[in-house]
Structures are given as structure tokens and as C-alpha cells.
Amino acid sequence: MVAVALANARSFGFDTVACSSTGNLANSVAAQAAREGLKAWIFIPSDLESAKILGTQVFGAELVRINGSYDHVNRLCSQIADEHRWGFVNVNLRPYYSEGSKTVGYEIAEQLGWRLPDNIVVPMAGGSLITKIKKAFDELILLGLVDPKPVKFFGAQATGCSPISTAIKQYSSEIEPQRPKTIARSLAIGNPPMDITREGHHQEWWLVGRRFRSRSSQRHSTAGGERRHLHRDRGRRDGWNRAQADPSGPHSP
């Protein structure tokens, strides 16, 4: 995904790339920028855990901590993108970055022996990934690489930050911003940059919120924990034949 964005950054003549991030995207942008010989600036919330951006520092990116939530950081990046000739992966390069998300759908089908799953669980932060996986499946069907079949999509959000889930449950065409209150930092986007609800009314999306319990000994990614719990719970209740939990977590931040 980041590779697609950075390839186009170079074609547009950018020598500096950047992003707002809660950790996952930061490491990817820093690594790909180092590989491509581009300068990188990463903007993150000031209270982000140091372990999440260790890779960012290893690859030599400039790291800027902002006093505020991810939504504040993202808004600042939009302003910077207007003033500097920088390629922001999730701002002015977002169309290429989001299209790159389709590779997740391609890999799921490949790993299932070029078959589509019955159900798929996707953690949602900005909301783009779940729509791009659906688009990837549609393209594979169009190309004749997989047999057509209905796939049920489940989008997972933390109860403390579930603006997309709330909007769809209320049959609203607009997303009401929320102030994130969750330890699932990778999902803590209270004001998503896209409106999934407009497409969601025409697709069979299943949106859920889940309450997290903080444990001092917790080591795994909370976004990954969300995905595994939802995958397990729904699978046991519905008796899925073939289900897939997106292995990589949300990609917006």
C-alpha cells in the first residue's frame, strides 16, 4: 500500500514524503522512504507508545510529536500539505495509498487457494480498508480468477471509538465525530476522513463495537486482539465454513 503511494510520490516529483500515524503507517512510510531514497517526516500523537514507532526511528525518519489526538495530527498534516511540496501518504497521496489496500484482498484469495471466504472480519480506523478489500474481490471475480460468491463483511471498532459503526447502526448518512477513549490506539480515529456510510447503505456491512479491558501485561496489538475476538465469537455462534480475519490490522493510521 505504502509502496504504491511512494512510487507515485516520486513520479510527481516529491523528494519528501510524510504521514500522520498512530504507529503502523509510520513504520511502513519510514522503511519505504529509506528504500526509495526519499526524506520522511512522521507526525504522531505525543502520548503514543515508544515501542510502536521504534522502527520509524531506526530508518532515520524525522519524528514530530503533536500534543493532541490522531485527528488533531491529521488535521495539521492537511494544513502542512497545502504549504509544502511534500507527499503525504494519507492526504494528497491518499488515492494511491488506499488503492494499494486492495493487495490485502488479493492475498486473502491467494492464501485460500484462489477462493473467496464466506466471511471476513476487518478492523476499521478510517474505514477505507474494508471497502478496498470488497473492491479487490470484485476485481478478481471480473478477471475470472475466483468464482463469484457472496461474502459477508464484518467491520470491527472499539466501543470507545466507533463513529462508523454508530452511524450505520443509526442508518445515518453522516458520521458524527467522537473523542476516542480506547486503548486500541491503531483504531482511535474519531473523525474518519471518508464516509463509508454512503457506500455502506448499498452493501451488506456488519458493524460492531467491542469493549476492551486493559491489562498491564498486555503485549499484543489491541487492533489484532479486536480482530481475533470478533472472529472467534462470530465464528462460534454462526458456524462459519470458511472465514478470514484480516491479518494486518487497519491501514489508515
C-alpha atoms as a PDB file:
ATOM      1  CA  MET A   1       0.000   0.000   0.000  1.00  0.00           C
ATOM      2  CA  VAL A   2       2.694   2.464   1.005  1.00  0.00           C
ATOM      3  CA  ALA A   3       4.823   1.261  -1.918  1.00  0.00           C
ATOM      4  CA  VAL A   4       2.064   2.316  -4.338  1.00  0.00           C
ATOM      5  CA  ALA A   5       1.827   5.758  -2.736  1.00  0.00           C
ATOM      6  CA  LEU A   6       5.580   6.338  -2.695  1.00  0.00           C
ATOM      7  CA  ALA A   7       6.021   5.190  -6.284  1.00  0.00           C
ATOM      8  CA  ASN A   8       3.582   7.890  -7.318  1.00  0.00           C
ATOM      9  CA  ALA A   9       5.209  10.407  -4.985  1.00  0.00           C
ATOM     10  CA  ARG A  10       8.397  10.092  -6.987  1.00  0.00           C
ATOM     11  CA  SER A  11       6.512  10.422 -10.290  1.00  0.00           C
ATOM     12  CA  PHE A  12       5.021  13.707  -9.001  1.00  0.00           C
ATOM     13  CA  GLY A  13       8.487  14.994  -8.181  1.00  0.00           C
ATOM     14  CA  PHE A  14       8.253  14.872  -4.376  1.00  0.00           C
ATOM     15  CA  ASP A  15      11.577  14.461  -2.597  1.00  0.00           C
ATOM     16  CA  THR A  16       9.935  14.362   0.847  1.00  0.00           C
ATOM     17  CA  VAL A  17       7.116  12.120   1.994  1.00  0.00           C
ATOM     18  CA  ALA A  18       5.168  12.252   5.232  1.00  0.00           C
ATOM     19  CA  CYS A  19       2.178  10.898   7.097  1.00  0.00           C
ATOM     20  CA  SER A  20       0.105  11.198  10.233  1.00  0.00           C
ATOM     21  CA  SER A  21       0.103   7.951  12.149  1.00  0.00           C
ATOM     22  CA  THR A  22      -0.642   6.017  15.324  1.00  0.00           C
ATOM     23  CA  GLY A  23       2.349   3.777  14.648  1.00  0.00           C
ATOM     24  CA  ASN A  24       1.561   1.238  11.935  1.00  0.00           C
ATOM     25  CA  LEU A  25       1.760   3.564   8.946  1.00  0.00           C
ATOM     26  CA  ALA A  26       4.730   5.432  10.420  1.00  0.00           C
ATOM     27  CA  ASN A  27       6.988   2.401  10.309  1.00  0.00           C
ATOM     28  CA  SER A  28       5.940   1.497   6.766  1.00  0.00           C
ATOM     29  CA  VAL A  29       6.476   5.002   5.400  1.00  0.00           C
ATOM     30  CA  ALA A  30       9.857   5.328   7.111  1.00  0.00           C
ATOM     31  CA  ALA A  31      11.060   1.986   5.753  1.00  0.00           C
ATOM     32  CA  GLN A  32       9.818   2.549   2.195  1.00  0.00           C
ATOM     33  CA  ALA A  33      11.159   6.108   2.124  1.00  0.00           C
ATOM     34  CA  ALA A  34      14.613   4.886   3.160  1.00  0.00           C
ATOM     35  CA  ARG A  35      14.475   2.264   0.427  1.00  0.00           C
ATOM     36  CA  GLU A  36      13.465   4.835  -2.207  1.00  0.00           C
ATOM     37  CA  GLY A  37      15.966   7.458  -1.067  1.00  0.00           C
ATOM     38  CA  LEU A  38      13.260   9.920  -0.005  1.00  0.00           C
ATOM     39  CA  LYS A  39      13.224  12.134   3.078  1.00  0.00           C
ATOM     40  CA  ALA A  40      10.468  11.247   5.522  1.00  0.00           C
ATOM     41  CA  TRP A  41       8.584  13.191   8.189  1.00  0.00           C
ATOM     42  CA  ILE A  42       6.262  11.340  10.554  1.00  0.00           C
ATOM     43  CA  PHE A  43       3.661  13.129  12.704  1.00  0.00           C
ATOM     44  CA  ILE A  44       2.229  11.259  15.687  1.00  0.00           C
ATOM     45  CA  PRO A  45       0.239  11.976  18.883  1.00  0.00           C
ATOM     46  CA  SER A  46       2.611  12.920  21.700  1.00  0.00           C
ATOM     47  CA  ASP A  47       1.403  10.148  24.011  1.00  0.00           C
ATOM     48  CA  LEU A  48       1.968   7.307  21.528  1.00  0.00           C
ATOM     49  CA  GLU A  49       3.894   4.366  22.988  1.00  0.00           C
ATOM     50  CA  SER A  50       7.595   4.470  22.099  1.00  0.00           C
ATOM     51  CA  ALA A  51       7.621   0.801  21.075  1.00  0.00           C
ATOM     52  CA  LYS A  52       5.179   1.464  18.239  1.00  0.00           C
ATOM     53  CA  ILE A  53       7.489   3.896  16.439  1.00  0.00           C
ATOM     54  CA  LEU A  54      10.827   2.224  17.150  1.00  0.00           C
ATOM     55  CA  GLY A  55      11.084   1.152  13.515  1.00  0.00           C
ATOM     56  CA  THR A  56      10.386   4.713  12.391  1.00  0.00           C
ATOM     57  CA  GLN A  57      13.464   5.977  14.216  1.00  0.00           C
ATOM     58  CA  VAL A  58      15.606   3.076  13.046  1.00  0.00           C
ATOM     59  CA  PHE A  59      15.036   4.088   9.410  1.00  0.00           C
ATOM     60  CA  GLY A  60      16.038   7.694  10.066  1.00  0.00           C
ATOM     61  CA  ALA A  61      12.722   9.482   9.570  1.00  0.00           C
ATOM     62  CA  GLU A  62      12.108  12.843  11.237  1.00  0.00           C
ATOM     63  CA  LEU A  63       9.624  12.221  14.048  1.00  0.00           C
ATOM     64  CA  VAL A  64       7.315  15.012  15.238  1.00  0.00           C
ATOM     65  CA  ARG A  65       5.111  14.526  18.310  1.00  0.00           C
ATOM     66  CA  ILE A  66       1.929  16.615  18.401  1.00  0.00           C
ATOM     67  CA  ASN A  67       0.050  17.442  21.597  1.00  0.00           C
ATOM     68  CA  GLY A  68      -3.379  16.061  20.687  1.00  0.00           C
ATOM     69  CA  SER A  69      -5.274  13.086  19.289  1.00  0.00           C
ATOM     70  CA  TYR A  70      -4.713  11.436  15.934  1.00  0.00           C
ATOM     71  CA  ASP A  71      -7.499  13.583  14.488  1.00  0.00           C
ATOM     72  CA  HIS A  72      -5.614  16.725  15.537  1.00  0.00           C
ATOM     73  CA  VAL A  73      -2.435  15.370  13.974  1.00  0.00           C
ATOM     74  CA  ASN A  74      -4.213  14.501  10.731  1.00  0.00           C
ATOM     75  CA  ARG A  75      -5.762  17.967  10.508  1.00  0.00           C
ATOM     76  CA  LEU A  76      -2.339  19.574  10.996  1.00  0.00           C
ATOM     77  CA  CYS A  77      -0.881  17.388   8.245  1.00  0.00           C
ATOM     78  CA  SER A  78      -3.597  18.554   5.848  1.00  0.00           C
ATOM     79  CA  GLN A  79      -2.522  22.154   6.516  1.00  0.00           C
ATOM     80  CA  ILE A  80       1.159  21.337   6.063  1.00  0.00           C
ATOM     81  CA  ALA A  81       0.422  19.570   2.771  1.00  0.00           C
ATOM     82  CA  ASP A  82      -1.092  22.817   1.474  1.00  0.00           C
ATOM     83  CA  GLU A  83       2.006  24.830   2.366  1.00  0.00           C
ATOM     84  CA  HIS A  84       4.885  22.489   1.482  1.00  0.00           C
ATOM     85  CA  ARG A  85       5.640  20.399  -1.553  1.00  0.00           C
ATOM     86  CA  TRP A  86       5.560  17.171   0.429  1.00  0.00           C
ATOM     87  CA  GLY A  87       3.791  13.959  -0.452  1.00  0.00           C
ATOM     88  CA  PHE A  88       1.542  13.000   2.453  1.00  0.00           C
ATOM     89  CA  VAL A  89       0.599   9.344   2.139  1.00  0.00           C
ATOM     90  CA  ASN A  90      -2.779   9.780   3.818  1.00  0.00           C
ATOM     91  CA  VAL A  91      -3.547  13.280   2.481  1.00  0.00           C
ATOM     92  CA  ASN A  92      -2.545  14.262  -1.067  1.00  0.00           C
ATOM     93  CA  LEU A  93      -1.346  10.727  -1.953  1.00  0.00           C
ATOM     94  CA  ARG A  94      -4.321   9.020  -0.300  1.00  0.00           C
ATOM     95  CA  PRO A  95      -5.995   7.814  -3.557  1.00  0.00           C
ATOM     96  CA  TYR A  96      -2.884   5.770  -4.388  1.00  0.00           C
ATOM     97  CA  TYR A  97      -2.386   4.606  -0.811  1.00  0.00           C
ATOM     98  CA  SER A  98      -5.984   3.431  -0.482  1.00  0.00           C
ATOM     99  CA  GLU A  99      -5.927   1.642  -3.847  1.00  0.00           C
ATOM    100  CA  GLY A 100      -2.842  -0.181  -2.638  1.00  0.00           C
ATOM    101  CA  SER A 101      -5.009  -1.627   0.143  1.00  0.00           C
ATOM    102  CA  LYS A 102      -6.572  -3.948  -2.420  1.00  0.00           C
ATOM    103  CA  THR A 103      -3.477  -6.144  -2.146  1.00  0.00           C
ATOM    104  CA  VAL A 104      -4.877  -7.363   1.190  1.00  0.00           C
ATOM    105  CA  GLY A 105      -7.909  -8.756  -0.648  1.00  0.00           C
ATOM    106  CA  TYR A 106      -5.745 -10.305  -3.359  1.00  0.00           C
ATOM    107  CA  GLU A 107      -3.563 -12.055  -0.777  1.00  0.00           C
ATOM    108  CA  ILE A 108      -6.563 -13.392   1.141  1.00  0.00           C
ATOM    109  CA  ALA A 109      -7.926 -15.004  -2.022  1.00  0.00           C
ATOM    110  CA  GLU A 110      -4.495 -16.393  -2.913  1.00  0.00           C
ATOM    111  CA  GLN A 111      -3.985 -17.905   0.542  1.00  0.00           C
ATOM    112  CA  LEU A 112      -7.386 -19.594   0.307  1.00  0.00           C
ATOM    113  CA  GLY A 113      -6.393 -21.294  -2.956  1.00  0.00           C
ATOM    114  CA  TRP A 114      -7.976 -18.603  -5.151  1.00  0.00           C
ATOM    115  CA  ARG A 115     -11.316 -18.813  -3.413  1.00  0.00           C
ATOM    116  CA  LEU A 116     -13.240 -16.126  -1.596  1.00  0.00           C
ATOM    117  CA  PRO A 117     -14.050 -16.508   2.109  1.00  0.00           C
ATOM    118  CA  ASP A 118     -17.596 -16.886   3.401  1.00  0.00           C
ATOM    119  CA  ASN A 119     -16.998 -14.117   5.933  1.00  0.00           C
ATOM    120  CA  ILE A 120     -14.281 -11.577   6.578  1.00  0.00           C
ATOM    121  CA  VAL A 121     -13.502  -9.504   9.672  1.00  0.00           C
ATOM    122  CA  VAL A 122     -11.773  -6.159   9.120  1.00  0.00           C
ATOM    123  CA  PRO A 123     -10.732  -3.724  11.884  1.00  0.00           C
ATOM    124  CA  MET A 124     -11.721  -0.174  10.974  1.00  0.00           C
ATOM    125  CA  ALA A 125      -9.960   3.077  11.749  1.00  0.00           C
ATOM    126  CA  GLY A 126     -10.524   5.433   8.804  1.00  0.00           C
ATOM    127  CA  GLY A 127     -12.831   2.931   7.126  1.00  0.00           C
ATOM    128  CA  SER A 128     -11.045   2.620   3.797  1.00  0.00           C
ATOM    129  CA  LEU A 129      -9.648  -0.911   4.094  1.00  0.00           C
ATOM    130  CA  ILE A 130     -12.978  -2.745   4.272  1.00  0.00           C
ATOM    131  CA  THR A 131     -14.194  -1.083   1.055  1.00  0.00           C
ATOM    132  CA  LYS A 132     -10.927  -1.803  -0.785  1.00  0.00           C
ATOM    133  CA  ILE A 133     -10.998  -5.487   0.148  1.00  0.00           C
ATOM    134  CA  LYS A 134     -14.524  -5.630  -1.273  1.00  0.00           C
ATOM    135  CA  LYS A 135     -13.264  -3.908  -4.429  1.00  0.00           C
ATOM    136  CA  ALA A 136     -10.382  -6.381  -4.688  1.00  0.00           C
ATOM    137  CA  PHE A 137     -12.792  -9.332  -4.515  1.00  0.00           C
ATOM    138  CA  ASP A 138     -14.978  -7.748  -7.220  1.00  0.00           C
ATOM    139  CA  GLU A 139     -11.953  -7.284  -9.491  1.00  0.00           C
ATOM    140  CA  LEU A 140     -10.831 -10.892  -9.018  1.00  0.00           C
ATOM    141  CA  ILE A 141     -14.320 -12.057  -9.972  1.00  0.00           C
ATOM    142  CA  LEU A 142     -14.325  -9.768 -13.014  1.00  0.00           C
ATOM    143  CA  LEU A 143     -10.976 -11.203 -14.150  1.00  0.00           C
ATOM    144  CA  GLY A 144     -12.204 -14.761 -13.682  1.00  0.00           C
ATOM    145  CA  LEU A 145      -9.538 -15.588 -11.095  1.00  0.00           C
ATOM    146  CA  VAL A 146     -12.090 -16.619  -8.454  1.00  0.00           C
ATOM    147  CA  ASP A 147     -15.633 -17.934  -8.608  1.00  0.00           C
ATOM    148  CA  PRO A 148     -18.290 -15.375  -7.695  1.00  0.00           C
ATOM    149  CA  LYS A 149     -19.952 -15.827  -4.310  1.00  0.00           C
ATOM    150  CA  PRO A 150     -21.485 -13.609  -1.632  1.00  0.00           C
ATOM    151  CA  VAL A 151     -19.039 -12.594   1.102  1.00  0.00           C
ATOM    152  CA  LYS A 152     -20.281 -11.174   4.387  1.00  0.00           C
ATOM    153  CA  PHE A 153     -18.129  -8.335   5.721  1.00  0.00           C
ATOM    154  CA  PHE A 154     -17.744  -7.545   9.425  1.00  0.00           C
ATOM    155  CA  GLY A 155     -16.156  -4.241  10.385  1.00  0.00           C
ATOM    156  CA  ALA A 156     -14.769  -4.069  13.931  1.00  0.00           C
ATOM    157  CA  GLN A 157     -14.381  -0.923  16.004  1.00  0.00           C
ATOM    158  CA  ALA A 158     -13.648  -0.357  19.674  1.00  0.00           C
ATOM    159  CA  THR A 159     -16.632   0.725  21.760  1.00  0.00           C
ATOM    160  CA  GLY A 160     -14.663   3.789  22.865  1.00  0.00           C
ATOM    161  CA  CYS A 161     -14.171   4.945  19.283  1.00  0.00           C
ATOM    162  CA  SER A 162     -16.830   3.698  16.888  1.00  0.00           C
ATOM    163  CA  PRO A 163     -18.021   6.582  14.682  1.00  0.00           C
ATOM    164  CA  ILE A 164     -18.539   4.414  11.590  1.00  0.00           C
ATOM    165  CA  SER A 165     -20.304   1.628  13.459  1.00  0.00           C
ATOM    166  CA  THR A 166     -22.548   4.125  15.232  1.00  0.00           C
ATOM    167  CA  ALA A 167     -23.513   5.904  12.007  1.00  0.00           C
ATOM    168  CA  ILE A 168     -24.513   2.715  10.218  1.00  0.00           C
ATOM    169  CA  LYS A 169     -26.416   1.339  13.202  1.00  0.00           C
ATOM    170  CA  GLN A 170     -28.372   4.603  13.273  1.00  0.00           C
ATOM    171  CA  TYR A 171     -28.949   4.492   9.486  1.00  0.00           C
ATOM    172  CA  SER A 172     -27.231   7.848   9.203  1.00  0.00           C
ATOM    173  CA  SER A 173     -25.575   9.092   6.011  1.00  0.00           C
ATOM    174  CA  GLU A 174     -23.218  11.288   8.045  1.00  0.00           C
ATOM    175  CA  ILE A 175     -20.538  10.331  10.547  1.00  0.00           C
ATOM    176  CA  GLU A 176     -20.654  12.143  13.884  1.00  0.00           C
ATOM    177  CA  PRO A 177     -17.082  12.707  15.172  1.00  0.00           C
ATOM    178  CA  GLN A 178     -16.205  11.124  18.511  1.00  0.00           C
ATOM    179  CA  ARG A 179     -13.479  11.759  21.077  1.00  0.00           C
ATOM    180  CA  PRO A 180     -11.502   8.476  21.229  1.00  0.00           C
ATOM    181  CA  LYS A 181     -11.498   6.692  24.593  1.00  0.00           C
ATOM    182  CA  THR A 182      -9.840   3.366  23.892  1.00  0.00           C
ATOM    183  CA  ILE A 183      -6.533   1.569  24.368  1.00  0.00           C
ATOM    184  CA  ALA A 184      -6.809   0.337  20.764  1.00  0.00           C
ATOM    185  CA  ARG A 185      -4.676   3.215  19.511  1.00  0.00           C
ATOM    186  CA  SER A 186      -4.497   1.944  15.940  1.00  0.00           C
ATOM    187  CA  LEU A 187      -8.291   2.260  15.746  1.00  0.00           C
ATOM    188  CA  ALA A 188      -8.547   5.602  17.563  1.00  0.00           C
ATOM    189  CA  ILE A 189      -9.763   7.814  14.728  1.00  0.00           C
ATOM    190  CA  GLY A 190     -12.785   9.719  15.951  1.00  0.00           C
ATOM    191  CA  ASN A 191     -13.331  11.674  12.740  1.00  0.00           C
ATOM    192  CA  PRO A 192     -12.673   9.344   9.771  1.00  0.00           C
ATOM    193  CA  PRO A 193     -11.579  11.082   6.557  1.00  0.00           C
ATOM    194  CA  MET A 194     -14.029   9.126   4.412  1.00  0.00           C
ATOM    195  CA  ASP A 195     -17.763   8.450   4.585  1.00  0.00           C
ATOM    196  CA  ILE A 196     -18.225   4.686   4.459  1.00  0.00           C
ATOM    197  CA  THR A 197     -21.918   5.073   5.228  1.00  0.00           C
ATOM    198  CA  ARG A 198     -22.756   6.266   1.725  1.00  0.00           C
ATOM    199  CA  GLU A 199     -21.467   3.010   0.277  1.00  0.00           C
ATOM    200  CA  GLY A 200     -22.484   1.041   3.336  1.00  0.00           C
ATOM    201  CA  HIS A 201     -26.187   1.525   2.638  1.00  0.00           C
ATOM    202  CA  HIS A 202     -25.710  -0.351  -0.631  1.00  0.00           C
ATOM    203  CA  GLN A 203     -23.635  -3.203   0.758  1.00  0.00           C
ATOM    204  CA  GLU A 204     -24.166  -5.772   3.497  1.00  0.00           C
ATOM    205  CA  TRP A 205     -21.793  -4.354   6.072  1.00  0.00           C
ATOM    206  CA  TRP A 206     -21.983  -5.618   9.646  1.00  0.00           C
ATOM    207  CA  LEU A 207     -20.514  -3.112  12.063  1.00  0.00           C
ATOM    208  CA  VAL A 208     -19.810  -3.904  15.695  1.00  0.00           C
ATOM    209  CA  GLY A 209     -18.178  -2.230  18.669  1.00  0.00           C
ATOM    210  CA  ARG A 210     -16.188  -4.090  21.273  1.00  0.00           C
ATOM    211  CA  ARG A 211     -15.166  -3.039  24.760  1.00  0.00           C
ATOM    212  CA  PHE A 212     -11.508  -3.583  25.628  1.00  0.00           C
ATOM    213  CA  ARG A 213     -10.154  -4.444  29.037  1.00  0.00           C
ATOM    214  CA  SER A 214      -6.731  -3.024  29.754  1.00  0.00           C
ATOM    215  CA  ARG A 215      -4.171  -5.400  31.244  1.00  0.00           C
ATOM    216  CA  SER A 216      -0.746  -4.329  32.423  1.00  0.00           C
ATOM    217  CA  SER A 217       0.812  -7.475  30.964  1.00  0.00           C
ATOM    218  CA  GLN A 218      -0.766  -7.000  27.536  1.00  0.00           C
ATOM    219  CA  ARG A 219       1.789  -7.313  24.740  1.00  0.00           C
ATOM    220  CA  HIS A 220      -0.212  -7.934  21.585  1.00  0.00           C
ATOM    221  CA  SER A 221      -1.639  -5.269  19.314  1.00  0.00           C
ATOM    222  CA  THR A 222      -5.056  -4.199  20.550  1.00  0.00           C
ATOM    223  CA  ALA A 223      -6.265  -3.940  16.955  1.00  0.00           C
ATOM    224  CA  GLY A 224      -5.173  -7.521  16.431  1.00  0.00           C
ATOM    225  CA  GLY A 225      -6.954  -8.522  19.619  1.00  0.00           C
ATOM    226  CA  GLU A 226     -10.153  -6.900  18.365  1.00  0.00           C
ATOM    227  CA  ARG A 227      -9.928  -8.848  15.153  1.00  0.00           C
ATOM    228  CA  ARG A 228      -9.269 -12.188  16.835  1.00  0.00           C
ATOM    229  CA  HIS A 229     -12.034 -11.812  19.422  1.00  0.00           C
ATOM    230  CA  LEU A 230     -14.667 -10.861  16.869  1.00  0.00           C
ATOM    231  CA  HIS A 231     -13.549 -13.605  14.505  1.00  0.00           C
ATOM    232  CA  ARG A 232     -13.770 -16.206  17.288  1.00  0.00           C
ATOM    233  CA  ASP A 233     -17.094 -15.038  18.715  1.00  0.00           C
ATOM    234  CA  ARG A 234     -18.950 -14.759  15.418  1.00  0.00           C
ATOM    235  CA  GLY A 235     -17.462 -17.998  14.142  1.00  0.00           C
ATOM    236  CA  ARG A 236     -18.638 -19.978  17.157  1.00  0.00           C
ATOM    237  CA  ARG A 237     -22.121 -18.503  17.023  1.00  0.00           C
ATOM    238  CA  ASP A 238     -22.725 -18.737  13.279  1.00  0.00           C
ATOM    239  CA  GLY A 239     -20.740 -21.887  12.442  1.00  0.00           C
ATOM    240  CA  TRP A 240     -18.738 -20.365   9.607  1.00  0.00           C
ATOM    241  CA  ASN A 241     -17.379 -22.728   6.988  1.00  0.00           C
ATOM    242  CA  ARG A 242     -14.522 -20.558   5.827  1.00  0.00           C
ATOM    243  CA  ALA A 243     -13.739 -17.254   7.490  1.00  0.00           C
ATOM    244  CA  GLN A 244     -10.838 -14.869   7.207  1.00  0.00           C
ATOM    245  CA  ALA A 245      -9.625 -12.336   9.739  1.00  0.00           C
ATOM    246  CA  ASP A 246      -7.577  -9.644   8.047  1.00  0.00           C
ATOM    247  CA  PRO A 247      -4.040 -10.409   9.270  1.00  0.00           C
ATOM    248  CA  SER A 248      -2.582  -6.946   9.089  1.00  0.00           C
ATOM    249  CA  GLY A 249      -4.838  -4.669  11.097  1.00  0.00           C
ATOM    250  CA  PRO A 250      -6.190  -1.298   9.961  1.00  0.00           C
ATOM    251  CA  HIS A 251      -4.054   0.564   7.466  1.00  0.00           C
ATOM    252  CA  SER A 252      -5.365   4.135   7.628  1.00  0.00           C
ATOM    253  CA  PRO A 253      -3.129   5.192  10.522  1.00  0.00           C
END
